[in-house]
Amino acid sequence: MGKILGAITGANAAKKAAKAQERGQQRSIAEGRRQFDLTRSDFTPFRESGVRSLSQLTNALGVNGQQPQQDFFSNFQNDPGFQAEVDFGLGGVEKSLAARGMLNSGRSLRDLQTFGQLKRRGAFNDRLNMLARLSGAGQSATTQGANIGSNITQGIQRGLIGSGNARASGFTNAANANIGFANNLLRLGAQAFGGGAF
């Protein structure tokens, strides 16, 4: 009789264990998905900043056509920070020329023009470099997000496989317990009728 009860208990325990393992796998999968969503939202500002910077960079280089390039240059030249730098620098050049009594000479016009051109070229290159760095940061955020997504996907796949294996194992263990139960019943029946052949 003990073997029969053991078989019944074993079948029930196998089913419960499989369900518990499956629930654990599903919770693990849900946490992986939650973490991926959180990570993706954390990377969003960097990714979007990179996309905008890349757009500005390609506008500056004329990749998107003449009008976007002209708009970029116009915005660049009218940038308050750039204008303040140029005005401050030109003021310094004018003071230097005035101190030497050369403010209204031909050389003063050339020096002012040279300063303005060099300042504009340097500021423009600085702007391109800044946009390239921001674009690279966006690309890096996108790559990191994709790598994290790939790793989480692999974890979810392993979890789903583990969940399936747990269910299959539970069914197998329950079936084995039921087979054991049936064999024990047959043994008891055979023994009761004097056969004892099992």
N, C-alpha and C. Protein backbone atom coordinates (compact mmCIF):
# COMPACT_ATOMS: atom_id res chain seq x y z
N MET A 1 0.82 -1.20 0.00
CA MET A 1 0.00 0.00 0.00
C MET A 1 0.86 1.25 0.00
N GLY A 2 2.02 1.18 0.68
CA GLY A 2 2.92 2.32 0.75
C GLY A 2 3.45 2.71 -0.62
N LYS A 3 3.69 1.70 -1.47
CA LYS A 3 4.19 1.98 -2.82
C LYS A 3 3.14 2.71 -3.64
N ILE A 4 1.88 2.36 -3.46
CA ILE A 4 0.80 3.02 -4.20
C ILE A 4 0.69 4.47 -3.78
N LEU A 5 0.71 4.73 -2.47
CA LEU A 5 0.65 6.10 -1.98
C LEU A 5 1.87 6.89 -2.43
N GLY A 6 3.03 6.24 -2.42
CA GLY A 6 4.26 6.90 -2.88
C GLY A 6 4.16 7.29 -4.34
N ALA A 7 3.58 6.44 -5.15
CA ALA A 7 3.45 6.72 -6.59
C ALA A 7 2.49 7.89 -6.81
N ILE A 8 1.38 7.91 -6.08
CA ILE A 8 0.42 9.02 -6.20
C ILE A 8 1.07 10.32 -5.75
N THR A 9 1.72 10.26 -4.60
CA THR A 9 2.39 11.45 -4.07
C THR A 9 3.49 11.92 -5.02
N GLY A 10 4.25 10.97 -5.58
CA GLY A 10 5.33 11.30 -6.53
C GLY A 10 4.79 11.99 -7.77
N ALA A 11 3.68 11.52 -8.29
CA ALA A 11 3.07 12.14 -9.49
C ALA A 11 2.64 13.56 -9.18
N ASN A 12 1.98 13.74 -8.04
CA ASN A 12 1.53 15.10 -7.67
C ASN A 12 2.73 16.02 -7.43
N ALA A 13 3.74 15.50 -6.77
CA ALA A 13 4.93 16.31 -6.49
C ALA A 13 5.63 16.70 -7.78
N ALA A 14 5.71 15.80 -8.74
CA ALA A 14 6.35 16.09 -10.01
C ALA A 14 5.61 17.20 -10.75
N LYS A 15 4.28 17.14 -10.72
CA LYS A 15 3.48 18.18 -11.38
C LYS A 15 3.68 19.53 -10.70
N LYS A 16 3.67 19.52 -9.35
CA LYS A 16 3.85 20.77 -8.60
C LYS A 16 5.24 21.36 -8.84
N ALA A 17 6.24 20.50 -8.85
CA ALA A 17 7.62 20.97 -9.06
C ALA A 17 7.76 21.59 -10.45
N ALA A 18 7.17 20.95 -11.45
CA ALA A 18 7.24 21.47 -12.81
C ALA A 18 6.55 22.82 -12.91
N LYS A 19 5.40 22.94 -12.26
CA LYS A 19 4.68 24.22 -12.29
C LYS A 19 5.47 25.31 -11.58
N ALA A 20 6.08 24.96 -10.45
CA ALA A 20 6.88 25.95 -9.72
C ALA A 20 8.08 26.40 -10.54
N GLN A 21 8.73 25.46 -11.19
CA GLN A 21 9.87 25.80 -12.03
C GLN A 21 9.43 26.67 -13.21
N GLU A 22 8.31 26.33 -13.79
CA GLU A 22 7.79 27.12 -14.92
C GLU A 22 7.45 28.54 -14.47
N ARG A 23 6.81 28.68 -13.30
CA ARG A 23 6.50 30.02 -12.78
C ARG A 23 7.78 30.82 -12.55
N GLY A 24 8.79 30.18 -12.02
CA GLY A 24 10.07 30.86 -11.80
C GLY A 24 10.68 31.32 -13.11
N GLN A 25 10.62 30.48 -14.13
CA GLN A 25 11.15 30.85 -15.45
C GLN A 25 10.37 32.02 -16.03
N GLN A 26 9.06 32.01 -15.88
CA GLN A 26 8.23 33.10 -16.42
C GLN A 26 8.53 34.41 -15.70
N ARG A 27 8.76 34.35 -14.39
CA ARG A 27 9.12 35.57 -13.63
C ARG A 27 10.48 36.09 -14.10
N SER A 28 11.39 35.18 -14.35
CA SER A 28 12.71 35.56 -14.84
C SER A 28 12.61 36.23 -16.21
N ILE A 29 11.79 35.69 -17.07
CA ILE A 29 11.57 36.27 -18.41
C ILE A 29 10.95 37.65 -18.29
N ALA A 30 9.96 37.80 -17.42
CA ALA A 30 9.30 39.10 -17.24
C ALA A 30 10.30 40.13 -16.72
N GLU A 31 11.17 39.73 -15.80
CA GLU A 31 12.17 40.67 -15.27
C GLU A 31 13.17 41.05 -16.35
N GLY A 32 13.57 40.10 -17.18
CA GLY A 32 14.47 40.41 -18.29
C GLY A 32 13.86 41.42 -19.24
N ARG A 33 12.60 41.23 -19.57
CA ARG A 33 11.90 42.18 -20.45
C ARG A 33 11.79 43.56 -19.79
N ARG A 34 11.50 43.59 -18.50
CA ARG A 34 11.39 44.86 -17.79
C ARG A 34 12.74 45.59 -17.79
N GLN A 35 13.80 44.85 -17.53
CA GLN A 35 15.13 45.45 -17.51
C GLN A 35 15.50 45.99 -18.90
N PHE A 36 15.15 45.25 -19.94
CA PHE A 36 15.44 45.72 -21.30
C PHE A 36 14.70 47.01 -21.59
N ASP A 37 13.42 47.06 -21.24
CA ASP A 37 12.64 48.28 -21.48
C ASP A 37 13.22 49.46 -20.71
N LEU A 38 13.63 49.22 -19.48
CA LEU A 38 14.22 50.28 -18.66
C LEU A 38 15.55 50.75 -19.28
N THR A 39 16.38 49.82 -19.68
CA THR A 39 17.66 50.16 -20.28
C THR A 39 17.46 50.93 -21.57
N ARG A 40 16.54 50.48 -22.37
CA ARG A 40 16.27 51.16 -23.65
C ARG A 40 15.81 52.60 -23.40
N SER A 41 14.96 52.79 -22.41
CA SER A 41 14.50 54.15 -22.13
C SER A 41 15.64 55.00 -21.55
N ASP A 42 16.56 54.38 -20.81
CA ASP A 42 17.72 55.11 -20.29
C ASP A 42 18.63 55.59 -21.43
N PHE A 43 18.76 54.79 -22.48
CA PHE A 43 19.62 55.14 -23.61
C PHE A 43 18.95 56.09 -24.61
N THR A 44 17.63 56.25 -24.52
CA THR A 44 16.89 57.03 -25.51
C THR A 44 17.42 58.45 -25.71
N PRO A 45 17.67 59.23 -24.65
CA PRO A 45 18.16 60.60 -24.88
C PRO A 45 19.48 60.64 -25.66
N PHE A 46 20.37 59.70 -25.38
CA PHE A 46 21.66 59.68 -26.07
C PHE A 46 21.51 59.27 -27.53
N ARG A 47 20.65 58.28 -27.75
CA ARG A 47 20.40 57.82 -29.11
C ARG A 47 19.77 58.94 -29.94
N GLU A 48 18.77 59.61 -29.37
CA GLU A 48 18.08 60.68 -30.09
C GLU A 48 19.01 61.87 -30.33
N SER A 49 19.84 62.20 -29.34
CA SER A 49 20.81 63.28 -29.51
C SER A 49 21.78 62.95 -30.63
N GLY A 50 22.19 61.72 -30.70
CA GLY A 50 23.10 61.29 -31.78
C GLY A 50 22.45 61.40 -33.14
N VAL A 51 21.18 61.04 -33.23
CA VAL A 51 20.46 61.13 -34.51
C VAL A 51 20.36 62.59 -34.94
N ARG A 52 19.99 63.48 -34.01
CA ARG A 52 19.88 64.91 -34.35
C ARG A 52 21.24 65.48 -34.74
N SER A 53 22.28 65.09 -34.02
CA SER A 53 23.62 65.59 -34.32
C SER A 53 24.09 65.10 -35.69
N LEU A 54 23.81 63.86 -35.99
CA LEU A 54 24.19 63.33 -37.31
C LEU A 54 23.46 64.08 -38.41
N SER A 55 22.20 64.40 -38.18
CA SER A 55 21.44 65.17 -39.18
C SER A 55 22.07 66.55 -39.39
N GLN A 56 22.44 67.21 -38.29
CA GLN A 56 23.08 68.52 -38.41
C GLN A 56 24.43 68.42 -39.10
N LEU A 57 25.18 67.39 -38.79
CA LEU A 57 26.49 67.19 -39.40
C LEU A 57 26.36 66.96 -40.91
N THR A 58 25.41 66.14 -41.30
CA THR A 58 25.22 65.90 -42.74
C THR A 58 24.68 67.13 -43.43
N ASN A 59 23.90 67.96 -42.72
CA ASN A 59 23.47 69.24 -43.29
C ASN A 59 24.68 70.14 -43.52
N ALA A 60 25.57 70.23 -42.54
CA ALA A 60 26.75 71.09 -42.65
C ALA A 60 27.64 70.68 -43.81
N LEU A 61 27.72 69.38 -44.04
CA LEU A 61 28.58 68.87 -45.10
C LEU A 61 27.91 68.85 -46.47
N GLY A 62 26.64 69.24 -46.53
CA GLY A 62 25.92 69.30 -47.79
C GLY A 62 25.36 67.97 -48.27
N VAL A 63 25.41 66.96 -47.42
CA VAL A 63 24.92 65.63 -47.79
C VAL A 63 23.42 65.66 -48.08
N ASN A 64 22.69 66.49 -47.34
CA ASN A 64 21.22 66.55 -47.48
C ASN A 64 20.76 67.60 -48.49
N GLY A 65 21.70 68.16 -49.23
CA GLY A 65 21.34 69.14 -50.26
C GLY A 65 21.81 70.54 -49.91
N GLN A 66 21.66 71.42 -50.88
CA GLN A 66 22.17 72.79 -50.74
C GLN A 66 21.38 73.61 -49.72
N GLN A 67 20.06 73.49 -49.73
CA GLN A 67 19.25 74.31 -48.81
C GLN A 67 19.51 73.97 -47.35
N PRO A 68 19.53 72.68 -46.97
CA PRO A 68 19.87 72.37 -45.57
C PRO A 68 21.28 72.86 -45.19
N GLN A 69 22.21 72.81 -46.14
CA GLN A 69 23.56 73.30 -45.85
C GLN A 69 23.55 74.82 -45.63
N GLN A 70 22.83 75.54 -46.47
CA GLN A 70 22.73 76.99 -46.30
C GLN A 70 22.05 77.34 -44.97
N ASP A 71 21.02 76.59 -44.62
CA ASP A 71 20.35 76.82 -43.33
C ASP A 71 21.30 76.59 -42.17
N PHE A 72 22.12 75.54 -42.28
CA PHE A 72 23.09 75.27 -41.21
C PHE A 72 24.06 76.44 -41.06
N PHE A 73 24.63 76.91 -42.19
CA PHE A 73 25.58 78.03 -42.13
C PHE A 73 24.93 79.29 -41.56
N SER A 74 23.71 79.55 -41.98
CA SER A 74 23.00 80.73 -41.47
C SER A 74 22.80 80.64 -39.97
N ASN A 75 22.35 79.49 -39.50
CA ASN A 75 22.16 79.29 -38.07
C ASN A 75 23.49 79.38 -37.31
N PHE A 76 24.54 78.84 -37.91
CA PHE A 76 25.86 78.88 -37.28
C PHE A 76 26.34 80.33 -37.14
N GLN A 77 26.24 81.10 -38.20
CA GLN A 77 26.73 82.48 -38.17
C GLN A 77 25.90 83.37 -37.26
N ASN A 78 24.65 83.03 -37.06
CA ASN A 78 23.78 83.84 -36.20
C ASN A 78 23.73 83.32 -34.77
N ASP A 79 24.52 82.31 -34.47
CA ASP A 79 24.55 81.76 -33.12
C ASP A 79 25.07 82.82 -32.15
N PRO A 80 24.33 83.12 -31.08
CA PRO A 80 24.75 84.18 -30.15
C PRO A 80 26.13 83.93 -29.54
N GLY A 81 26.46 82.68 -29.25
CA GLY A 81 27.77 82.38 -28.68
C GLY A 81 28.88 82.69 -29.66
N PHE A 82 28.67 82.30 -30.91
CA PHE A 82 29.67 82.58 -31.94
C PHE A 82 29.82 84.08 -32.14
N GLN A 83 28.70 84.80 -32.21
CA GLN A 83 28.74 86.26 -32.40
C GLN A 83 29.46 86.95 -31.25
N ALA A 84 29.23 86.50 -30.03
CA ALA A 84 29.89 87.11 -28.87
C ALA A 84 31.40 86.90 -28.95
N GLU A 85 31.82 85.70 -29.34
CA GLU A 85 33.25 85.43 -29.50
C GLU A 85 33.88 86.32 -30.55
N VAL A 86 33.23 86.43 -31.70
CA VAL A 86 33.76 87.25 -32.79
C VAL A 86 33.82 88.71 -32.36
N ASP A 87 32.74 89.19 -31.77
CA ASP A 87 32.72 90.60 -31.34
C ASP A 87 33.82 90.88 -30.32
N PHE A 88 33.99 89.98 -29.36
CA PHE A 88 35.03 90.17 -28.35
C PHE A 88 36.40 90.18 -29.00
N GLY A 89 36.63 89.21 -29.89
CA GLY A 89 37.93 89.13 -30.57
C GLY A 89 38.21 90.33 -31.45
N LEU A 90 37.20 90.77 -32.19
CA LEU A 90 37.38 91.95 -33.05
C LEU A 90 37.66 93.18 -32.20
N GLY A 91 37.00 93.28 -31.07
CA GLY A 91 37.25 94.40 -30.16
C GLY A 91 38.69 94.41 -29.70
N GLY A 92 39.23 93.23 -29.41
CA GLY A 92 40.63 93.13 -28.99
C GLY A 92 41.59 93.55 -30.09
N VAL A 93 41.29 93.11 -31.31
CA VAL A 93 42.14 93.50 -32.46
C VAL A 93 42.07 95.00 -32.66
N GLU A 94 40.87 95.58 -32.59
CA GLU A 94 40.71 97.03 -32.77
C GLU A 94 41.47 97.80 -31.69
N LYS A 95 41.41 97.33 -30.46
CA LYS A 95 42.14 98.01 -29.38
C LYS A 95 43.64 97.96 -29.62
N SER A 96 44.12 96.83 -30.07
CA SER A 96 45.54 96.67 -30.35
C SER A 96 45.98 97.61 -31.47
N LEU A 97 45.16 97.68 -32.51
CA LEU A 97 45.49 98.56 -33.65
C LEU A 97 45.40 100.03 -33.23
N ALA A 98 44.41 100.36 -32.42
CA ALA A 98 44.25 101.75 -31.98
C ALA A 98 45.43 102.16 -31.10
N ALA A 99 45.91 101.26 -30.28
CA ALA A 99 47.04 101.57 -29.41
C ALA A 99 48.30 101.86 -30.21
N ARG A 100 48.38 101.30 -31.39
CA ARG A 100 49.54 101.53 -32.25
C ARG A 100 49.28 102.63 -33.27
N GLY A 101 48.09 103.23 -33.20
CA GLY A 101 47.73 104.31 -34.12
C GLY A 101 47.43 103.82 -35.52
N MET A 102 46.99 102.59 -35.64
CA MET A 102 46.76 102.01 -36.96
C MET A 102 45.29 101.63 -37.18
N LEU A 103 44.39 102.17 -36.40
CA LEU A 103 43.00 101.73 -36.43
C LEU A 103 42.35 101.87 -37.80
N ASN A 104 42.59 102.94 -38.50
CA ASN A 104 41.91 103.15 -39.78
C ASN A 104 42.83 102.91 -40.98
N SER A 105 43.88 102.16 -40.78
CA SER A 105 44.80 101.89 -41.88
C SER A 105 44.32 100.70 -42.70
N GLY A 106 44.94 100.50 -43.83
CA GLY A 106 44.63 99.35 -44.67
C GLY A 106 44.98 98.05 -43.96
N ARG A 107 46.04 98.12 -43.16
CA ARG A 107 46.44 96.93 -42.41
C ARG A 107 45.38 96.56 -41.39
N SER A 108 44.72 97.55 -40.79
CA SER A 108 43.71 97.24 -39.77
C SER A 108 42.55 96.47 -40.40
N LEU A 109 42.15 96.89 -41.60
CA LEU A 109 41.06 96.17 -42.28
C LEU A 109 41.48 94.73 -42.59
N ARG A 110 42.72 94.57 -43.05
CA ARG A 110 43.22 93.22 -43.35
C ARG A 110 43.29 92.37 -42.08
N ASP A 111 43.81 92.97 -40.98
CA ASP A 111 43.91 92.22 -39.72
C ASP A 111 42.53 91.83 -39.19
N LEU A 112 41.58 92.73 -39.29
CA LEU A 112 40.21 92.43 -38.83
C LEU A 112 39.59 91.33 -39.68
N GLN A 113 39.80 91.41 -40.99
CA GLN A 113 39.25 90.39 -41.90
C GLN A 113 39.91 89.04 -41.64
N THR A 114 41.22 89.03 -41.47
CA THR A 114 41.95 87.78 -41.20
C THR A 114 41.47 87.17 -39.89
N PHE A 115 41.32 87.99 -38.85
CA PHE A 115 40.83 87.49 -37.57
C PHE A 115 39.45 86.86 -37.73
N GLY A 116 38.55 87.57 -38.41
CA GLY A 116 37.18 87.08 -38.60
C GLY A 116 37.16 85.76 -39.35
N GLN A 117 37.98 85.63 -40.39
CA GLN A 117 38.02 84.39 -41.17
C GLN A 117 38.58 83.23 -40.34
N LEU A 118 39.66 83.50 -39.63
CA LEU A 118 40.25 82.45 -38.81
C LEU A 118 39.31 82.02 -37.68
N LYS A 119 38.65 83.01 -37.08
CA LYS A 119 37.71 82.70 -36.00
C LYS A 119 36.55 81.87 -36.52
N ARG A 120 36.04 82.25 -37.66
CA ARG A 120 34.91 81.54 -38.26
C ARG A 120 35.31 80.11 -38.62
N ARG A 121 36.47 79.96 -39.23
CA ARG A 121 36.93 78.62 -39.63
C ARG A 121 37.14 77.75 -38.39
N GLY A 122 37.79 78.29 -37.36
CA GLY A 122 38.03 77.52 -36.14
C GLY A 122 36.73 77.15 -35.44
N ALA A 123 35.82 78.11 -35.35
CA ALA A 123 34.54 77.83 -34.69
C ALA A 123 33.73 76.81 -35.48
N PHE A 124 33.80 76.92 -36.82
CA PHE A 124 33.07 75.97 -37.66
C PHE A 124 33.63 74.57 -37.48
N ASN A 125 34.94 74.42 -37.48
CA ASN A 125 35.55 73.10 -37.27
C ASN A 125 35.23 72.56 -35.88
N ASP A 126 35.24 73.45 -34.89
CA ASP A 126 34.86 73.02 -33.53
C ASP A 126 33.42 72.50 -33.51
N ARG A 127 32.55 73.19 -34.22
CA ARG A 127 31.14 72.77 -34.28
C ARG A 127 31.01 71.41 -34.95
N LEU A 128 31.72 71.21 -36.07
CA LEU A 128 31.68 69.91 -36.74
C LEU A 128 32.20 68.80 -35.83
N ASN A 129 33.29 69.07 -35.14
CA ASN A 129 33.84 68.06 -34.22
C ASN A 129 32.87 67.74 -33.09
N MET A 130 32.22 68.76 -32.56
CA MET A 130 31.24 68.55 -31.50
C MET A 130 30.07 67.69 -32.01
N LEU A 131 29.59 67.99 -33.20
CA LEU A 131 28.48 67.21 -33.77
C LEU A 131 28.92 65.77 -34.03
N ALA A 132 30.15 65.61 -34.49
CA ALA A 132 30.65 64.25 -34.75
C ALA A 132 30.74 63.46 -33.44
N ARG A 133 31.20 64.11 -32.35
CA ARG A 133 31.27 63.42 -31.05
C ARG A 133 29.88 63.04 -30.55
N LEU A 134 28.94 63.97 -30.67
CA LEU A 134 27.58 63.67 -30.22
C LEU A 134 26.95 62.56 -31.06
N SER A 135 27.22 62.60 -32.35
CA SER A 135 26.71 61.55 -33.23
C SER A 135 27.31 60.20 -32.83
N GLY A 136 28.61 60.20 -32.51
CA GLY A 136 29.27 58.97 -32.07
C GLY A 136 28.70 58.46 -30.76
N ALA A 137 28.37 59.38 -29.85
CA ALA A 137 27.76 58.97 -28.58
C ALA A 137 26.40 58.32 -28.83
N GLY A 138 25.65 58.86 -29.77
CA GLY A 138 24.36 58.26 -30.13
C GLY A 138 24.53 56.87 -30.72
N GLN A 139 25.56 56.74 -31.58
CA GLN A 139 25.83 55.44 -32.18
C GLN A 139 26.24 54.44 -31.10
N SER A 140 27.06 54.89 -30.17
CA SER A 140 27.49 54.02 -29.08
C SER A 140 26.30 53.59 -28.22
N ALA A 141 25.41 54.52 -27.92
CA ALA A 141 24.22 54.18 -27.12
C ALA A 141 23.35 53.18 -27.86
N THR A 142 23.22 53.37 -29.18
CA THR A 142 22.43 52.44 -29.98
C THR A 142 23.06 51.05 -29.98
N THR A 143 24.38 51.00 -30.14
CA THR A 143 25.09 49.71 -30.16
C THR A 143 24.97 49.02 -28.80
N GLN A 144 25.16 49.77 -27.72
CA GLN A 144 25.05 49.18 -26.39
C GLN A 144 23.64 48.67 -26.14
N GLY A 145 22.65 49.45 -26.55
CA GLY A 145 21.26 49.01 -26.39
C GLY A 145 20.98 47.74 -27.17
N ALA A 146 21.52 47.67 -28.39
CA ALA A 146 21.32 46.47 -29.22
C ALA A 146 22.01 45.26 -28.58
N ASN A 147 23.21 45.46 -28.04
CA ASN A 147 23.91 44.35 -27.39
C ASN A 147 23.16 43.87 -26.15
N ILE A 148 22.67 44.80 -25.37
CA ILE A 148 21.90 44.43 -24.19
C ILE A 148 20.63 43.69 -24.61
N GLY A 149 19.97 44.19 -25.64
CA GLY A 149 18.77 43.52 -26.15
C GLY A 149 19.07 42.10 -26.61
N SER A 150 20.20 41.94 -27.29
CA SER A 150 20.58 40.60 -27.75
C SER A 150 20.83 39.67 -26.57
N ASN A 151 21.53 40.17 -25.57
CA ASN A 151 21.80 39.34 -24.38
C ASN A 151 20.52 38.98 -23.64
N ILE A 152 19.63 39.94 -23.51
CA ILE A 152 18.36 39.67 -22.82
C ILE A 152 17.52 38.68 -23.64
N THR A 153 17.53 38.85 -24.95
CA THR A 153 16.79 37.92 -25.81
C THR A 153 17.30 36.50 -25.63
N GLN A 154 18.63 36.35 -25.57
CA GLN A 154 19.20 35.01 -25.36
C GLN A 154 18.77 34.46 -24.00
N GLY A 155 18.75 35.33 -22.98
CA GLY A 155 18.30 34.89 -21.66
C GLY A 155 16.83 34.48 -21.67
N ILE A 156 16.02 35.24 -22.38
CA ILE A 156 14.59 34.90 -22.48
C ILE A 156 14.41 33.58 -23.22
N GLN A 157 15.19 33.40 -24.29
CA GLN A 157 15.10 32.14 -25.02
C GLN A 157 15.48 30.97 -24.13
N ARG A 158 16.56 31.15 -23.35
CA ARG A 158 16.95 30.07 -22.42
C ARG A 158 15.84 29.83 -21.39
N GLY A 159 15.22 30.93 -20.93
CA GLY A 159 14.13 30.80 -19.96
C GLY A 159 12.94 30.06 -20.55
N LEU A 160 12.60 30.38 -21.79
CA LEU A 160 11.48 29.69 -22.44
C LEU A 160 11.79 28.21 -22.65
N ILE A 161 13.02 27.93 -23.04
CA ILE A 161 13.42 26.53 -23.21
C ILE A 161 13.39 25.82 -21.86
N GLY A 162 13.91 26.50 -20.83
CA GLY A 162 13.88 25.91 -19.48
C GLY A 162 12.47 25.68 -18.99
N SER A 163 11.59 26.61 -19.30
CA SER A 163 10.19 26.47 -18.91
C SER A 163 9.57 25.26 -19.62
N GLY A 164 9.86 25.14 -20.90
CA GLY A 164 9.35 23.99 -21.65
C GLY A 164 9.92 22.69 -21.12
N ASN A 165 11.20 22.70 -20.81
CA ASN A 165 11.83 21.50 -20.26
C ASN A 165 11.24 21.14 -18.90
N ALA A 166 10.94 22.16 -18.09
CA ALA A 166 10.34 21.90 -16.78
C ALA A 166 8.98 21.24 -16.94
N ARG A 167 8.21 21.77 -17.88
CA ARG A 167 6.89 21.15 -18.11
C ARG A 167 7.04 19.72 -18.59
N ALA A 168 7.94 19.54 -19.55
CA ALA A 168 8.14 18.19 -20.10
C ALA A 168 8.64 17.24 -19.01
N SER A 169 9.57 17.74 -18.20
CA SER A 169 10.09 16.91 -17.11
C SER A 169 8.99 16.56 -16.12
N GLY A 170 8.14 17.53 -15.83
CA GLY A 170 7.01 17.28 -14.92
C GLY A 170 6.08 16.22 -15.47
N PHE A 171 5.79 16.33 -16.78
CA PHE A 171 4.92 15.33 -17.41
C PHE A 171 5.57 13.95 -17.39
N THR A 172 6.87 13.93 -17.69
CA THR A 172 7.60 12.65 -17.70
C THR A 172 7.63 12.03 -16.31
N ASN A 173 7.97 12.88 -15.32
CA ASN A 173 8.02 12.36 -13.95
C ASN A 173 6.64 11.90 -13.47
N ALA A 174 5.61 12.65 -13.82
CA ALA A 174 4.26 12.24 -13.43
C ALA A 174 3.88 10.94 -14.13
N ALA A 175 4.25 10.84 -15.41
CA ALA A 175 3.94 9.61 -16.14
C ALA A 175 4.67 8.42 -15.53
N ASN A 176 5.94 8.64 -15.18
CA ASN A 176 6.71 7.55 -14.55
C ASN A 176 6.08 7.16 -13.21
N ALA A 177 5.64 8.16 -12.46
CA ALA A 177 5.00 7.85 -11.18
C ALA A 177 3.69 7.09 -11.40
N ASN A 178 2.95 7.50 -12.43
CA ASN A 178 1.69 6.79 -12.74
C ASN A 178 1.96 5.36 -13.21
N ILE A 179 3.03 5.21 -13.99
CA ILE A 179 3.39 3.85 -14.43
C ILE A 179 3.78 3.01 -13.21
N GLY A 180 4.55 3.62 -12.32
CA GLY A 180 4.91 2.93 -11.07
C GLY A 180 3.68 2.56 -10.27
N PHE A 181 2.72 3.49 -10.23
CA PHE A 181 1.46 3.24 -9.53
C PHE A 181 0.74 2.04 -10.16
N ALA A 182 0.66 2.04 -11.48
CA ALA A 182 -0.03 0.94 -12.17
C ALA A 182 0.70 -0.38 -11.93
N ASN A 183 2.03 -0.37 -12.01
CA ASN A 183 2.79 -1.60 -11.77
C ASN A 183 2.57 -2.11 -10.35
N ASN A 184 2.55 -1.17 -9.41
CA ASN A 184 2.32 -1.58 -8.01
C ASN A 184 0.93 -2.16 -7.84
N LEU A 185 -0.06 -1.56 -8.51
CA LEU A 185 -1.41 -2.13 -8.43
C LEU A 185 -1.45 -3.53 -9.02
N LEU A 186 -0.79 -3.68 -10.16
CA LEU A 186 -0.76 -5.02 -10.79
C LEU A 186 -0.06 -6.03 -9.88
N ARG A 187 1.04 -5.61 -9.25
CA ARG A 187 1.75 -6.50 -8.33
C ARG A 187 0.86 -6.91 -7.16
N LEU A 188 0.17 -5.88 -6.60
CA LEU A 188 -0.71 -6.18 -5.47
C LEU A 188 -1.85 -7.11 -5.90
N GLY A 189 -2.38 -6.85 -7.09
CA GLY A 189 -3.45 -7.71 -7.59
C GLY A 189 -2.97 -9.13 -7.81
N ALA A 190 -1.79 -9.24 -8.38
CA ALA A 190 -1.23 -10.57 -8.64
C ALA A 190 -0.95 -11.30 -7.34
N GLN A 191 -0.44 -10.55 -6.37
CA GLN A 191 -0.15 -11.15 -5.07
C GLN A 191 -1.46 -11.56 -4.37
N ALA A 192 -2.49 -10.73 -4.53
CA ALA A 192 -3.77 -11.03 -3.88
C ALA A 192 -4.38 -12.28 -4.47
N PHE A 193 -4.15 -12.51 -5.75
CA PHE A 193 -4.74 -13.69 -6.38
C PHE A 193 -3.73 -14.84 -6.47
N GLY A 194 -2.61 -14.66 -5.79
CA GLY A 194 -1.67 -15.74 -5.68
C GLY A 194 -0.71 -15.88 -6.83
N GLY A 195 -0.69 -14.96 -7.75
CA GLY A 195 0.20 -15.09 -8.91
C GLY A 195 1.63 -14.74 -8.58
N GLY A 196 1.85 -13.61 -8.00
CA GLY A 196 3.20 -13.18 -7.62
C GLY A 196 4.19 -13.13 -8.74
N ALA A 197 3.76 -13.10 -9.98
CA ALA A 197 4.66 -13.13 -11.13
C ALA A 197 5.39 -11.80 -11.35
N PHE A 198 4.92 -10.71 -10.78
CA PHE A 198 5.57 -9.41 -11.02
C PHE A 198 6.72 -9.28 -10.09
